[in-house]
Amino acid sequence: MSDKPLVSIIVPAYNAESFIDECLQSIIRQSYSNLEVIIVDDGSKDKTATIVSNYSEHVRYFYQNPTGTPAIPRNVGISISRGEYLCFFDSDDIMSP
């Protein structure tokens, strides 16, 4: 248990296989370590789930039927998050160190 507050990083994803690996690497490499990363997959038809499964130790993955909007996956992420603080991140973003 950390004495630092838990930060939930919520990442909606849809057909993100081209960039989700780099996105997750950038989050996991942060110096602040009390993080939970939540990927909410909005019905991807590519290899997003396979790529994210390689991060199962660091990432919670949830699949849902496609909604066509990032707002619903973000709200799903909020509902399952455990963090004291929330961070919203897009699946094609890279987090600076």
C-alpha atoms as a PDB file:
ATOM      1  CA  MET A   1       0.000   0.000   0.000  1.00  0.00           C
ATOM      2  CA  SER A   2       1.398   3.375  -0.964  1.00  0.00           C
ATOM      3  CA  ASP A   3       1.164   6.549   1.060  1.00  0.00           C
ATOM      4  CA  LYS A   4       0.676   8.423  -2.229  1.00  0.00           C
ATOM      5  CA  PRO A   5      -2.884   8.793  -3.548  1.00  0.00           C
ATOM      6  CA  LEU A   6      -3.965   6.391  -6.264  1.00  0.00           C
ATOM      7  CA  VAL A   7      -4.374   8.022  -9.677  1.00  0.00           C
ATOM      8  CA  SER A   8      -6.708   6.350 -12.173  1.00  0.00           C
ATOM      9  CA  ILE A   9      -5.738   6.872 -15.792  1.00  0.00           C
ATOM     10  CA  ILE A  10      -8.757   6.204 -18.000  1.00  0.00           C
ATOM     11  CA  VAL A  11      -8.033   5.492 -21.655  1.00  0.00           C
ATOM     12  CA  PRO A  12     -10.884   4.953 -24.124  1.00  0.00           C
ATOM     13  CA  ALA A  13      -9.688   2.967 -27.131  1.00  0.00           C
ATOM     14  CA  TYR A  14     -11.103   2.047 -30.509  1.00  0.00           C
ATOM     15  CA  ASN A  15      -9.006   0.244 -33.125  1.00  0.00           C
ATOM     16  CA  ALA A  16      -5.884   1.526 -31.395  1.00  0.00           C
ATOM     17  CA  GLU A  17      -3.438  -1.222 -32.364  1.00  0.00           C
ATOM     18  CA  SER A  18      -1.128   1.237 -34.151  1.00  0.00           C
ATOM     19  CA  PHE A  19      -0.427   3.331 -31.065  1.00  0.00           C
ATOM     20  CA  ILE A  20      -1.735   1.705 -27.849  1.00  0.00           C
ATOM     21  CA  ASP A  21       1.590   0.000 -27.116  1.00  0.00           C
ATOM     22  CA  GLU A  22       3.531   3.266 -27.151  1.00  0.00           C
ATOM     23  CA  CYS A  23       0.769   4.956 -25.131  1.00  0.00           C
ATOM     24  CA  LEU A  24       0.879   2.284 -22.403  1.00  0.00           C
ATOM     25  CA  GLN A  25       4.672   2.261 -22.308  1.00  0.00           C
ATOM     26  CA  SER A  26       4.683   6.013 -21.730  1.00  0.00           C
ATOM     27  CA  ILE A  27       2.247   5.688 -18.828  1.00  0.00           C
ATOM     28  CA  ILE A  28       3.970   2.743 -17.159  1.00  0.00           C
ATOM     29  CA  ARG A  29       7.367   4.483 -17.281  1.00  0.00           C
ATOM     30  CA  GLN A  30       6.182   7.390 -15.132  1.00  0.00           C
ATOM     31  CA  SER A  31       8.135   8.117 -11.958  1.00  0.00           C
ATOM     32  CA  TYR A  32       4.857   8.329 -10.028  1.00  0.00           C
ATOM     33  CA  SER A  33       4.000   4.688  -9.497  1.00  0.00           C
ATOM     34  CA  ASN A  34       0.696   4.588  -7.617  1.00  0.00           C
ATOM     35  CA  LEU A  35      -1.341   4.375 -10.809  1.00  0.00           C
ATOM     36  CA  GLU A  36      -4.109   2.226 -12.138  1.00  0.00           C
ATOM     37  CA  VAL A  37      -4.520   2.233 -15.908  1.00  0.00           C
ATOM     38  CA  ILE A  38      -7.999   1.447 -17.199  1.00  0.00           C
ATOM     39  CA  ILE A  39      -8.479   0.734 -20.897  1.00  0.00           C
ATOM     40  CA  VAL A  40     -12.113   0.811 -21.999  1.00  0.00           C
ATOM     41  CA  ASP A  41     -12.251  -0.711 -25.467  1.00  0.00           C
ATOM     42  CA  ASP A  42     -15.208   0.652 -27.415  1.00  0.00           C
ATOM     43  CA  GLY A  43     -15.679  -2.351 -29.703  1.00  0.00           C
ATOM     44  CA  SER A  44     -12.306  -2.543 -31.460  1.00  0.00           C
ATOM     45  CA  LYS A  45     -12.083  -4.914 -34.407  1.00  0.00           C
ATOM     46  CA  ASP A  46      -8.288  -4.916 -34.584  1.00  0.00           C
ATOM     47  CA  LYS A  47      -5.585  -6.274 -32.251  1.00  0.00           C
ATOM     48  CA  THR A  48      -6.056  -3.694 -29.499  1.00  0.00           C
ATOM     49  CA  ALA A  49      -7.134  -6.359 -26.959  1.00  0.00           C
ATOM     50  CA  THR A  50      -4.175  -8.609 -27.792  1.00  0.00           C
ATOM     51  CA  ILE A  51      -1.684  -5.777 -27.361  1.00  0.00           C
ATOM     52  CA  VAL A  52      -3.258  -4.612 -24.097  1.00  0.00           C
ATOM     53  CA  SER A  53      -3.239  -8.193 -22.754  1.00  0.00           C
ATOM     54  CA  ASN A  54       0.579  -7.995 -22.715  1.00  0.00           C
ATOM     55  CA  TYR A  55       0.173  -5.358 -19.999  1.00  0.00           C
ATOM     56  CA  SER A  56      -2.249  -7.304 -17.804  1.00  0.00           C
ATOM     57  CA  GLU A  57       0.000  -6.814 -14.772  1.00  0.00           C
ATOM     58  CA  HIS A  58      -0.330  -3.026 -15.071  1.00  0.00           C
ATOM     59  CA  VAL A  59      -3.612  -2.460 -16.894  1.00  0.00           C
ATOM     60  CA  ARG A  60      -7.275  -3.243 -16.302  1.00  0.00           C
ATOM     61  CA  TYR A  61      -9.002  -3.930 -19.629  1.00  0.00           C
ATOM     62  CA  PHE A  62     -12.739  -3.705 -20.292  1.00  0.00           C
ATOM     63  CA  TYR A  63     -14.437  -4.393 -23.602  1.00  0.00           C
ATOM     64  CA  GLN A  64     -17.840  -2.968 -24.490  1.00  0.00           C
ATOM     65  CA  ASN A  65     -19.985  -2.941 -27.593  1.00  0.00           C
ATOM     66  CA  PRO A  66     -19.203   0.076 -29.776  1.00  0.00           C
ATOM     67  CA  THR A  67     -20.837   3.358 -28.829  1.00  0.00           C
ATOM     68  CA  GLY A  68     -19.054   5.573 -31.343  1.00  0.00           C
ATOM     69  CA  THR A  69     -18.089   8.212 -28.807  1.00  0.00           C
ATOM     70  CA  PRO A  70     -15.265   8.510 -26.252  1.00  0.00           C
ATOM     71  CA  ALA A  71     -17.615   9.958 -23.606  1.00  0.00           C
ATOM     72  CA  ILE A  72     -19.301   6.654 -22.778  1.00  0.00           C
ATOM     73  CA  PRO A  73     -16.025   4.718 -22.349  1.00  0.00           C
ATOM     74  CA  ARG A  74     -14.731   7.535 -20.150  1.00  0.00           C
ATOM     75  CA  ASN A  75     -17.843   7.289 -17.979  1.00  0.00           C
ATOM     76  CA  VAL A  76     -17.420   3.503 -17.762  1.00  0.00           C
ATOM     77  CA  GLY A  77     -13.833   4.088 -16.668  1.00  0.00           C
ATOM     78  CA  ILE A  78     -14.981   6.506 -13.992  1.00  0.00           C
ATOM     79  CA  SER A  79     -17.512   4.000 -12.667  1.00  0.00           C
ATOM     80  CA  ILE A  80     -14.882   1.272 -12.205  1.00  0.00           C
ATOM     81  CA  SER A  81     -11.971   3.437 -11.122  1.00  0.00           C
ATOM     82  CA  ARG A  82     -10.588   3.238  -7.611  1.00  0.00           C
ATOM     83  CA  GLY A  83      -8.340   6.291  -7.660  1.00  0.00           C
ATOM     84  CA  GLU A  84      -8.568   9.406  -5.577  1.00  0.00           C
ATOM     85  CA  TYR A  85      -7.671  11.352  -8.710  1.00  0.00           C
ATOM     86  CA  LEU A  86      -8.712  10.784 -12.329  1.00  0.00           C
ATOM     87  CA  CYS A  87      -6.680  11.389 -15.445  1.00  0.00           C
ATOM     88  CA  PHE A  88      -8.205  11.092 -18.907  1.00  0.00           C
ATOM     89  CA  PHE A  89      -5.864  10.068 -21.665  1.00  0.00           C
ATOM     90  CA  ASP A  90      -6.466   9.204 -25.313  1.00  0.00           C
ATOM     91  CA  SER A  91      -5.123   5.961 -26.732  1.00  0.00           C
ATOM     92  CA  ASP A  92      -2.966   7.817 -29.270  1.00  0.00           C
ATOM     93  CA  ASP A  93      -1.358  10.104 -26.660  1.00  0.00           C
ATOM     94  CA  ILE A  94       2.093   9.788 -25.146  1.00  0.00           C
ATOM     95  CA  MET A  95       2.712  10.846 -21.544  1.00  0.00           C
ATOM     96  CA  SER A  96       5.891  12.838 -21.042  1.00  0.00           C
ATOM     97  CA  PRO A  97       8.234  11.569 -18.329  1.00  0.00           C
END
